[in-house]
């Protein structure tokens, strides 16, 4: 069964979260709001919304590059030549071909997407940010009615899909309220929204925290950790079960023994239906499938991407991976993400999220201006990537999203609450709504994927009442050591 198309609404959210929870897409999980806005806690008496700010991941996208799809297609071709495909396996090759074509042409003819091809947002991703903008304005109508000359700042990482997300989000606001258009200021800030890859070639200021993180990503320790995750018995067992439905036992044994392999070498060319656009792609040969596990994880990559391409892709990848197998692959993907850019290893300190400090500071500086009575900005809306959202959640020490593990332990769903599908699904977002009363007291309420969320437990004293999601801003600021 194909996953359901996304739509707004609390009733549908429950259905979607159930469906996607069973499918296990890790950080490629399509977006769904996590709480109906009608159930949000009401602001304390006398307080009105005066400002909002947000960090959002780009919306659902296709494959980021021409890698696992071509490598798996080449492996499939090897099996086809050897007559080593099952009836289900024979359907896989044409479906991969559809996947490659859909990604090669992704975004063609879509207003707002400048260059078609791999890595673009899908129509699903455009819808996610369009509806997110609609819900934000519906939640804070008084804020947008009172904009006057107040600016709406839209900032992106500068990468196409983040820029496009900002464009579609802003477009949705303007379509609802045309007088907002001249009030929107768009810009790029790599220092806060692409901090994991700052370089002297592109950036005037490269922080030591960014360089430390880049060293970590290339470190032998991380490579060894990832290798250990991919060598776990449950992953190999699931991989064999997946491939058994697609290839003959002889072919699987040959792959297992290193006698069969494939890479993303080769060239493919695809032309749009109107004949006006052709995209010719050349694989670099650097992505290799040399084991049963490699093949299964490559297929899982396509299976997950297909969930985000419902408008563009007719092929259905759900028959190729059973839910129990997908859970194993998602757990492995989450484990790698946990160590690479998540909370990580306790003994390594804050190497995976120290670089997010500038973004945390930016959130507080924006809030400081409002608390001080400076209402030049009505909103600041930031659009970036999972590599930014995940460390930001860790830097804020959010419950369930920041707990580290000791080096002696290995991440699993049994010993950690951290889940990629919850921390950074497609269009993941963290929003701070600020409220003030006539006396100038400032409160802040955080939404994470549109669910009311707690700040770190150490800040509970900043709540305006026990169990409230409204925090006194000055007490919260002090709790986070912001001066």
Protein backbone atom coordinates (compact mmCIF):
# COMPACT_ATOMS: atom_id res chain seq x y z
CA UNK A 1 0.00 0.00 0.00
CA UNK A 2 1.28 3.47 -0.86
CA UNK A 3 1.50 5.97 2.02
CA UNK A 4 -1.38 8.43 2.12
CA UNK A 5 -0.96 11.87 0.58
CA UNK A 6 -0.36 14.57 3.16
CA UNK A 7 -3.01 17.08 4.14
CA UNK A 8 -3.65 19.42 7.04
CA UNK A 9 -5.96 18.53 9.89
CA UNK A 10 -5.81 16.84 13.25
CA UNK A 11 -7.95 13.84 12.31
CA UNK A 12 -5.74 13.05 9.36
CA UNK A 13 -2.62 13.52 11.49
CA UNK A 14 -3.52 10.51 13.62
CA UNK A 15 -4.01 8.39 10.52
CA UNK A 16 -0.78 9.62 8.95
CA UNK A 17 1.36 9.14 12.03
CA UNK A 18 0.05 5.59 12.36
CA UNK A 19 0.79 4.81 8.72
CA UNK A 20 4.24 6.38 8.66
CA UNK A 21 5.12 4.92 12.05
CA UNK A 22 4.55 1.44 10.61
CA UNK A 23 6.54 2.18 7.47
CA UNK A 24 9.71 3.45 9.23
CA UNK A 25 11.21 6.16 7.01
CA UNK A 26 13.67 7.65 9.55
CA UNK A 27 14.54 11.27 8.65
CA UNK A 28 12.77 10.89 5.28
CA UNK A 29 9.43 10.62 7.06
CA UNK A 30 6.90 12.91 5.34
CA UNK A 31 5.73 15.77 7.51
CA UNK A 32 2.52 15.79 9.52
CA UNK A 33 1.63 18.29 12.28
CA UNK A 34 1.92 16.58 15.63
CA UNK A 35 -0.93 18.32 17.44
CA UNK A 36 -4.19 19.97 16.49
CA UNK A 37 -3.89 23.71 17.07
CA UNK A 38 -7.33 23.77 18.71
CA UNK A 39 -5.82 21.83 21.60
CA UNK A 40 -3.00 24.29 22.27
CA UNK A 41 -2.85 25.80 25.73
CA UNK A 42 -4.40 29.27 25.81
CA UNK A 43 -2.12 32.18 26.59
CA UNK A 44 -2.42 33.52 30.15
CA UNK A 45 -4.97 36.28 30.63
CA UNK A 46 -3.78 39.65 29.35
CA UNK A 47 -1.09 38.28 27.04
CA UNK A 48 -1.14 38.74 23.27
CA UNK A 49 1.10 37.31 20.57
CA UNK A 50 3.70 39.86 19.45
CA UNK A 51 6.27 37.84 17.50
CA UNK A 52 7.16 34.41 16.16
CA UNK A 53 10.34 32.79 14.89
CA UNK A 54 11.04 29.45 13.34
CA UNK A 55 13.73 27.05 12.17
CA UNK A 56 12.47 24.62 9.53
CA UNK A 57 13.97 21.84 7.51
CA UNK A 58 13.25 21.92 3.79
CA UNK A 59 10.18 20.01 2.67
CA UNK A 60 10.01 16.50 1.24
CA UNK A 61 12.51 15.99 -1.56
CA UNK A 62 13.66 13.38 -4.00
CA UNK A 63 17.01 11.62 -3.85
CA UNK A 64 19.84 14.05 -3.16
CA UNK A 65 22.12 12.61 -5.85
CA UNK A 66 22.54 10.00 -8.57
CA UNK A 67 24.08 7.29 -6.40
CA UNK A 68 22.21 4.44 -4.74
CA UNK A 69 19.55 4.27 -7.44
CA UNK A 70 22.02 3.72 -10.29
CA UNK A 71 24.17 1.34 -8.24
CA UNK A 72 21.14 -0.79 -7.38
CA UNK A 73 19.91 -0.67 -10.97
CA UNK A 74 23.30 -1.91 -12.17
CA UNK A 75 23.14 -4.75 -9.64
CA UNK A 76 19.65 -5.60 -10.86
CA UNK A 77 20.93 -5.70 -14.44
CA UNK A 78 23.62 -8.19 -13.41
CA UNK A 79 20.98 -10.41 -11.85
CA UNK A 80 18.73 -10.07 -14.92
CA UNK A 81 21.53 -11.22 -17.21
CA UNK A 82 22.02 -14.28 -15.00
CA UNK A 83 18.28 -15.00 -14.83
CA UNK A 84 18.62 -14.59 -11.08
CA UNK A 85 15.45 -12.56 -10.42
CA UNK A 86 12.26 -13.68 -8.71
CA UNK A 87 8.89 -12.55 -10.13
CA UNK A 88 8.90 -9.63 -7.67
CA UNK A 89 12.53 -8.92 -8.46
CA UNK A 90 11.74 -8.53 -12.15
CA UNK A 91 9.50 -5.57 -11.31
CA UNK A 92 12.26 -3.83 -9.36
CA UNK A 93 14.34 -2.71 -12.35
CA UNK A 94 11.53 -0.81 -14.10
CA UNK A 95 10.59 0.78 -10.78
CA UNK A 96 14.19 1.95 -10.23
CA UNK A 97 14.14 3.33 -13.78
CA UNK A 98 11.03 5.30 -12.88
CA UNK A 99 12.75 6.55 -9.74
CA UNK A 100 15.78 7.77 -11.72
CA UNK A 101 13.59 9.46 -14.32
CA UNK A 102 11.43 11.17 -11.69
CA UNK A 103 14.51 12.53 -9.93
CA UNK A 104 16.21 13.62 -13.13
CA UNK A 105 13.16 15.67 -14.08
CA UNK A 106 12.18 16.72 -10.56
CA UNK A 107 10.95 20.31 -10.45
CA UNK A 108 10.77 20.78 -14.20
CA UNK A 109 7.98 23.23 -15.03
CA UNK A 110 7.31 24.03 -11.37
CA UNK A 111 7.12 27.76 -10.62
CA UNK A 112 9.68 28.62 -7.96
CA UNK A 113 12.18 25.86 -8.76
CA UNK A 114 14.99 27.25 -10.86
CA UNK A 115 16.89 24.10 -11.83
CA UNK A 116 15.23 20.73 -12.32
CA UNK A 117 16.85 17.52 -11.17
CA UNK A 118 18.06 15.57 -8.17
CA UNK A 119 17.74 17.12 -4.72
CA UNK A 120 14.73 19.30 -5.43
CA UNK A 121 11.61 19.52 -3.35
CA UNK A 122 8.70 17.43 -4.52
CA UNK A 123 5.13 18.68 -4.80
CA UNK A 124 4.65 17.03 -1.43
CA UNK A 125 7.42 19.20 0.03
CA UNK A 126 5.91 22.33 -1.49
CA UNK A 127 2.57 21.40 0.06
CA UNK A 128 4.18 20.78 3.45
CA UNK A 129 5.59 24.30 3.64
CA UNK A 130 2.52 25.88 2.07
CA UNK A 131 0.26 24.33 4.69
CA UNK A 132 2.75 25.05 7.48
CA UNK A 133 2.60 28.74 6.54
CA UNK A 134 -1.18 28.66 6.42
CA UNK A 135 -1.37 27.14 9.88
CA UNK A 136 1.14 29.63 11.30
CA UNK A 137 -0.91 32.57 10.09
CA UNK A 138 -4.14 30.95 11.32
CA UNK A 139 -2.55 30.43 14.74
CA UNK A 140 -1.38 34.05 15.04
CA UNK A 141 -3.85 36.14 13.02
CA UNK A 142 -3.50 39.16 15.29
CA UNK A 143 0.26 39.20 14.75
CA UNK A 144 -0.05 39.41 10.98
CA UNK A 145 -2.94 41.86 11.10
CA UNK A 146 -0.80 44.19 13.18
CA UNK A 147 2.29 44.08 10.98
CA UNK A 148 2.08 47.73 9.84
CA UNK A 149 5.71 48.39 8.93
CA UNK A 150 7.08 45.38 10.80
CA UNK A 151 9.31 43.16 8.72
CA UNK A 152 9.03 39.44 8.08
CA UNK A 153 12.57 38.11 7.76
CA UNK A 154 13.04 34.98 5.63
CA UNK A 155 16.54 33.50 5.88
CA UNK A 156 17.89 30.36 4.22
CA UNK A 157 21.06 28.29 4.05
CA UNK A 158 21.48 29.28 0.39
CA UNK A 159 21.02 25.69 -0.82
CA UNK A 160 18.35 25.28 -3.48
CA UNK A 161 15.83 23.21 -1.55
CA UNK A 162 16.09 25.46 1.51
CA UNK A 163 15.76 28.58 -0.65
CA UNK A 164 12.77 27.02 -2.39
CA UNK A 165 11.15 26.14 0.94
CA UNK A 166 11.46 29.75 2.04
CA UNK A 167 10.00 30.90 -1.27
CA UNK A 168 6.97 28.60 -1.08
CA UNK A 169 6.38 29.43 2.58
CA UNK A 170 6.50 33.18 1.93
CA UNK A 171 4.35 32.76 -1.18
CA UNK A 172 1.69 31.03 0.91
CA UNK A 173 1.67 33.91 3.40
CA UNK A 174 1.32 36.48 0.64
CA UNK A 175 -1.45 34.56 -1.09
CA UNK A 176 -3.41 34.64 2.13
CA UNK A 177 -2.57 38.28 2.82
CA UNK A 178 -1.20 40.20 -0.19
CA UNK A 179 -0.24 43.27 1.85
CA UNK A 180 2.55 41.22 3.44
CA UNK A 181 4.57 41.06 0.22
CA UNK A 182 6.48 44.37 0.58
CA UNK A 183 7.27 43.52 4.21
CA UNK A 184 9.24 40.34 3.45
CA UNK A 185 13.04 40.56 3.53
CA UNK A 186 14.81 37.49 2.10
CA UNK A 187 18.44 36.61 2.67
CA UNK A 188 21.07 33.91 3.21
CA UNK A 189 22.98 33.14 6.41
CA UNK A 190 25.32 30.18 6.16
CA UNK A 191 26.86 30.89 9.57
CA UNK A 192 23.63 29.95 11.37
CA UNK A 193 21.92 27.76 8.77
CA UNK A 194 24.77 25.82 7.17
CA UNK A 195 27.20 25.74 10.06
CA UNK A 196 28.21 22.12 9.54
CA UNK A 197 30.10 22.89 6.32
CA UNK A 198 31.62 26.34 6.73
CA UNK A 199 34.74 26.75 4.61
CA UNK A 200 37.30 29.48 3.96
CA UNK A 201 36.46 29.29 0.27
CA UNK A 202 32.84 30.33 0.78
CA UNK A 203 32.64 31.94 4.21
CA UNK A 204 34.27 34.98 5.75
CA UNK A 205 34.14 33.51 9.23
CA UNK A 206 34.80 29.83 9.78
CA UNK A 207 34.28 28.83 13.39
CA UNK A 208 36.42 26.35 15.26
CA UNK A 209 33.25 24.49 16.27
CA UNK A 210 32.43 23.94 12.58
CA UNK A 211 35.95 22.70 11.86
CA UNK A 212 35.84 20.42 14.90
CA UNK A 213 32.60 18.93 13.64
CA UNK A 214 34.02 18.43 10.15
CA UNK A 215 36.98 16.60 11.69
CA UNK A 216 34.56 14.42 13.62
CA UNK A 217 32.62 13.48 10.46
CA UNK A 218 35.87 12.30 8.85
CA UNK A 219 37.26 10.66 11.98
CA UNK A 220 38.30 7.04 12.27
CA UNK A 221 36.15 6.71 15.38
CA UNK A 222 32.97 7.63 13.53
CA UNK A 223 33.87 5.38 10.58
CA UNK A 224 34.45 2.48 12.96
CA UNK A 225 31.16 3.17 14.74
CA UNK A 226 29.24 3.20 11.45
CA UNK A 227 30.96 -0.01 10.32
CA UNK A 228 29.97 -1.69 13.59
CA UNK A 229 26.35 -0.58 13.15
CA UNK A 230 26.26 -1.99 9.62
CA UNK A 231 27.84 -5.25 10.82
CA UNK A 232 25.13 -5.96 13.40
CA UNK A 233 23.56 -9.42 12.95
CA UNK A 234 19.97 -8.16 12.88
CA UNK A 235 20.79 -5.92 9.92
CA UNK A 236 22.30 -8.76 7.92
CA UNK A 237 19.35 -11.01 8.77
CA UNK A 238 16.87 -8.37 7.58
CA UNK A 239 18.94 -7.79 4.43
CA UNK A 240 18.88 -11.47 3.54
CA UNK A 241 15.12 -11.58 4.10
CA UNK A 242 14.59 -8.56 1.86
CA UNK A 243 16.78 -9.81 -0.97
CA UNK A 244 15.32 -13.32 -0.81
CA UNK A 245 12.12 -11.90 -2.30
CA UNK A 246 14.04 -10.36 -5.21
CA UNK A 247 17.02 -12.52 -6.16
CA UNK A 248 17.77 -16.23 -6.36
CA UNK A 249 19.70 -17.90 -3.50
CA UNK A 250 22.67 -18.46 -5.81
CA UNK A 251 22.93 -14.75 -6.66
CA UNK A 252 22.57 -13.73 -3.02
CA UNK A 253 25.30 -16.17 -2.00
CA UNK A 254 27.59 -14.78 -4.71
CA UNK A 255 26.92 -11.23 -3.48
CA UNK A 256 27.57 -12.34 0.07
CA UNK A 257 30.87 -13.93 -0.98
CA UNK A 258 32.06 -10.80 -2.79
CA UNK A 259 31.68 -12.44 -6.21
CA UNK A 260 29.07 -9.93 -7.37
CA UNK A 261 29.15 -6.15 -6.94
CA UNK A 262 27.96 -2.98 -8.62
CA UNK A 263 28.61 0.76 -8.53
CA UNK A 264 26.91 3.89 -9.77
CA UNK A 265 29.01 3.99 -12.94
CA UNK A 266 27.29 4.78 -16.20
CA UNK A 267 25.15 7.37 -17.88
CA UNK A 268 21.40 7.85 -18.15
CA UNK A 269 19.42 10.48 -20.05
CA UNK A 270 15.80 11.50 -19.48
CA UNK A 271 13.57 13.92 -21.37
CA UNK A 272 10.45 15.67 -20.13
CA UNK A 273 7.05 14.76 -21.58
CA UNK A 274 6.93 17.99 -23.60
CA UNK A 275 10.36 17.26 -25.08
CA UNK A 276 11.75 20.63 -23.99
CA UNK A 277 14.06 19.48 -21.21
CA UNK A 278 16.64 16.70 -21.17
CA UNK A 279 18.81 15.80 -18.21
CA UNK A 280 21.85 13.61 -18.87
CA UNK A 281 23.38 12.13 -15.74
CA UNK A 282 26.75 10.46 -15.28
CA UNK A 283 27.44 8.33 -12.23
CA UNK A 284 30.79 8.88 -10.52
CA UNK A 285 31.35 5.19 -9.70
CA UNK A 286 32.04 6.00 -6.04
CA UNK A 287 28.94 4.35 -4.57
CA UNK A 288 29.46 0.60 -4.29
CA UNK A 289 27.19 -2.31 -3.49
CA UNK A 290 29.48 -5.10 -2.39
CA UNK A 291 27.37 -7.03 0.12
CA UNK A 292 23.85 -8.11 0.92
CA UNK A 293 23.60 -5.34 3.51
CA UNK A 294 24.77 -2.73 1.00
CA UNK A 295 22.07 -3.81 -1.43
CA UNK A 296 19.31 -3.80 1.17
CA UNK A 297 20.27 -0.35 2.48
CA UNK A 298 20.38 0.99 -1.09
CA UNK A 299 16.87 -0.34 -1.63
CA UNK A 300 15.78 1.19 1.69
CA UNK A 301 17.10 4.54 0.44
CA UNK A 302 14.74 4.33 -2.55
CA UNK A 303 11.88 2.98 -0.44
CA UNK A 304 12.19 5.98 1.89
CA UNK A 305 12.56 8.51 -0.94
CA UNK A 306 9.44 7.15 -2.61
CA UNK A 307 7.40 8.18 0.42
CA UNK A 308 8.28 11.81 -0.37
CA UNK A 309 7.55 11.59 -4.11
CA UNK A 310 3.88 10.64 -4.22
CA UNK A 311 2.99 13.15 -6.95
CA UNK A 312 5.97 12.38 -9.19
CA UNK A 313 6.44 8.64 -8.81
CA UNK A 314 3.97 5.99 -9.93
CA UNK A 315 6.21 3.13 -8.82
CA UNK A 316 5.35 1.61 -5.45
CA UNK A 317 8.37 0.49 -3.43
CA UNK A 318 6.47 -0.76 -0.39
CA UNK A 319 6.19 -4.38 -1.64
CA UNK A 320 9.98 -4.69 -1.67
CA UNK A 321 10.52 -4.11 2.06
CA UNK A 322 8.27 -5.47 4.78
CA UNK A 323 7.55 -3.22 7.81
CA UNK A 324 9.63 -5.38 10.16
CA UNK A 325 12.61 -5.12 7.84
CA UNK A 326 12.10 -1.38 7.39
CA UNK A 327 12.22 -1.00 11.16
CA UNK A 328 15.66 -2.62 11.26
CA UNK A 329 16.94 -0.36 8.47
CA UNK A 330 15.46 2.74 10.09
CA UNK A 331 17.12 1.82 13.37
CA UNK A 332 20.48 1.50 11.60
CA UNK A 333 19.96 4.85 9.83
CA UNK A 334 18.98 6.48 13.11
CA UNK A 335 22.05 5.00 14.80
CA UNK A 336 24.37 6.51 12.20
CA UNK A 337 22.60 9.89 12.41
CA UNK A 338 22.68 9.77 16.23
CA UNK A 339 26.47 9.50 16.19
CA UNK A 340 27.19 11.67 13.17
CA UNK A 341 25.03 14.71 13.95
CA UNK A 342 22.82 13.81 16.90
CA UNK A 343 23.57 13.79 20.64
CA UNK A 344 26.39 11.29 20.11
CA UNK A 345 28.99 9.89 22.47
CA UNK A 346 29.10 11.35 25.99
CA UNK A 347 32.90 11.20 26.20
CA UNK A 348 33.18 13.37 23.07
CA UNK A 349 31.35 16.27 24.68
CA UNK A 350 29.48 18.71 22.48
CA UNK A 351 31.39 18.21 19.22
CA UNK A 352 28.21 17.38 17.29
CA UNK A 353 26.22 20.41 18.40
CA UNK A 354 28.59 23.12 19.67
CA UNK A 355 28.44 24.67 16.19
CA UNK A 356 24.70 25.33 16.75
CA UNK A 357 25.50 27.88 19.46
CA UNK A 358 25.33 30.78 17.02
CA UNK A 359 21.83 29.74 15.99
CA UNK A 360 20.72 29.42 19.62
CA UNK A 361 22.16 32.90 20.22
CA UNK A 362 20.26 34.23 17.21
CA UNK A 363 16.97 32.92 18.58
CA UNK A 364 17.62 34.62 21.91
CA UNK A 365 18.80 37.85 20.30
CA UNK A 366 15.61 38.06 18.29
CA UNK A 367 13.60 37.45 21.45
CA UNK A 368 15.70 40.00 23.34
CA UNK A 369 14.70 42.69 20.86
CA UNK A 370 11.03 41.95 21.41
CA UNK A 371 11.45 41.86 25.19
CA UNK A 372 13.16 45.25 24.99
CA UNK A 373 10.24 46.72 23.05
CA UNK A 374 11.85 46.63 19.60
CA UNK A 375 9.19 45.31 17.25
CA UNK A 376 10.94 45.92 13.94
CA UNK A 377 10.48 42.23 13.16
CA UNK A 378 7.11 40.52 13.22
CA UNK A 379 8.66 37.15 12.41
CA UNK A 380 11.95 35.51 11.52
CA UNK A 381 11.58 32.38 9.43
CA UNK A 382 14.65 30.21 8.82
CA UNK A 383 14.90 27.37 6.28
CA UNK A 384 17.65 24.83 6.40
CA UNK A 385 18.44 21.12 6.69
CA UNK A 386 18.35 18.10 9.00
CA UNK A 387 22.04 18.73 9.71
CA UNK A 388 20.98 22.01 11.34
CA UNK A 389 17.73 21.00 13.05
CA UNK A 390 19.28 17.98 14.78
CA UNK A 391 22.21 19.80 16.45
CA UNK A 392 19.91 22.71 17.34
CA UNK A 393 17.64 20.34 19.29
CA UNK A 394 20.71 18.94 21.06
CA UNK A 395 22.08 22.40 21.85
CA UNK A 396 18.74 23.31 23.47
CA UNK A 397 18.91 20.02 25.43
CA UNK A 398 15.33 19.20 24.52
CA UNK A 399 13.92 16.12 26.28
CA UNK A 400 14.25 12.93 24.25
CA UNK A 401 16.36 14.68 21.63
CA UNK A 402 19.61 15.43 23.43
CA UNK A 403 20.47 12.44 25.65
CA UNK A 404 23.93 11.05 24.87
CA UNK A 405 25.18 7.49 25.24
CA UNK A 406 28.49 6.36 26.73
CA UNK A 407 31.15 5.16 24.30
CA UNK A 408 30.77 1.62 25.61
CA UNK A 409 27.11 1.48 24.48
CA UNK A 410 25.74 1.25 20.95
CA UNK A 411 22.61 3.16 20.02
CA UNK A 412 19.44 1.12 19.67
CA UNK A 413 15.72 1.70 19.96
CA UNK A 414 15.91 -0.04 23.32
CA UNK A 415 18.46 2.26 24.97
CA UNK A 416 17.67 5.65 23.43
CA UNK A 417 14.48 7.69 22.88
CA UNK A 418 16.10 9.56 19.95
CA UNK A 419 14.29 8.97 16.64
CA UNK A 420 15.12 10.62 13.34
CA UNK A 421 11.46 10.58 12.33
CA UNK A 422 10.60 12.75 15.34
CA UNK A 423 13.64 15.01 15.51
CA UNK A 424 14.02 15.77 11.80
CA UNK A 425 11.31 14.49 9.47
CA UNK A 426 10.85 16.38 6.24
CA UNK A 427 9.80 19.99 6.96
CA UNK A 428 10.67 19.55 10.66
CA UNK A 429 10.21 22.83 12.47
CA UNK A 430 10.85 24.50 15.81
CA UNK A 431 8.82 27.63 16.51
CA UNK A 432 8.97 30.12 19.35
CA UNK A 433 5.86 32.27 19.82
CA UNK A 434 6.35 35.33 22.01
CA UNK A 435 3.58 36.95 24.01
CA UNK A 436 3.49 40.16 26.06
CA UNK A 437 1.08 41.86 28.42
CA UNK A 438 0.47 45.57 29.02
CA UNK A 439 3.25 45.64 31.61
CA UNK A 440 5.77 44.37 29.06
CA UNK A 441 6.29 40.93 30.58
CA UNK A 442 7.37 38.50 27.87
CA UNK A 443 6.44 34.83 27.61
CA UNK A 444 7.60 32.23 25.11
CA UNK A 445 5.88 29.04 23.98
CA UNK A 446 7.76 26.50 21.84
CA UNK A 447 6.24 24.23 19.21
CA UNK A 448 8.23 21.30 17.82
CA UNK A 449 6.67 19.96 14.65
CA UNK A 450 3.62 21.93 15.79
CA UNK A 451 3.33 20.09 19.09
CA UNK A 452 3.66 22.10 22.30
CA UNK A 453 7.14 21.25 23.58
CA UNK A 454 9.14 21.57 26.76
CA UNK A 455 12.45 23.33 27.07
CA UNK A 456 15.16 21.49 28.99
CA UNK A 457 14.04 20.19 32.41
CA UNK A 458 16.47 22.52 34.20
CA UNK A 459 14.24 25.40 33.04
CA UNK A 460 11.03 24.16 34.65
CA UNK A 461 11.17 27.02 37.14
CA UNK A 462 10.63 29.41 34.22
CA UNK A 463 7.17 27.99 33.52
CA UNK A 464 4.38 30.41 34.39
CA UNK A 465 2.55 27.52 36.05
CA UNK A 466 3.31 23.83 36.64
CA UNK A 467 2.90 21.84 33.41
CA UNK A 468 2.36 25.03 31.39
CA UNK A 469 4.08 25.38 28.03
CA UNK A 470 4.42 29.13 28.53
CA UNK A 471 7.76 30.19 29.99
CA UNK A 472 8.80 33.53 31.44
CA UNK A 473 11.31 34.73 28.88
CA UNK A 474 13.77 36.38 31.27
CA UNK A 475 13.89 33.28 33.48
CA UNK A 476 14.29 31.06 30.44
CA UNK A 477 17.09 33.24 29.14
CA UNK A 478 18.88 33.02 32.48
CA UNK A 479 18.42 29.24 32.51
CA UNK A 480 20.20 29.02 29.13
CA UNK A 481 23.03 31.28 30.36
CA UNK A 482 22.17 33.97 27.82
CA UNK A 483 23.39 37.38 28.96
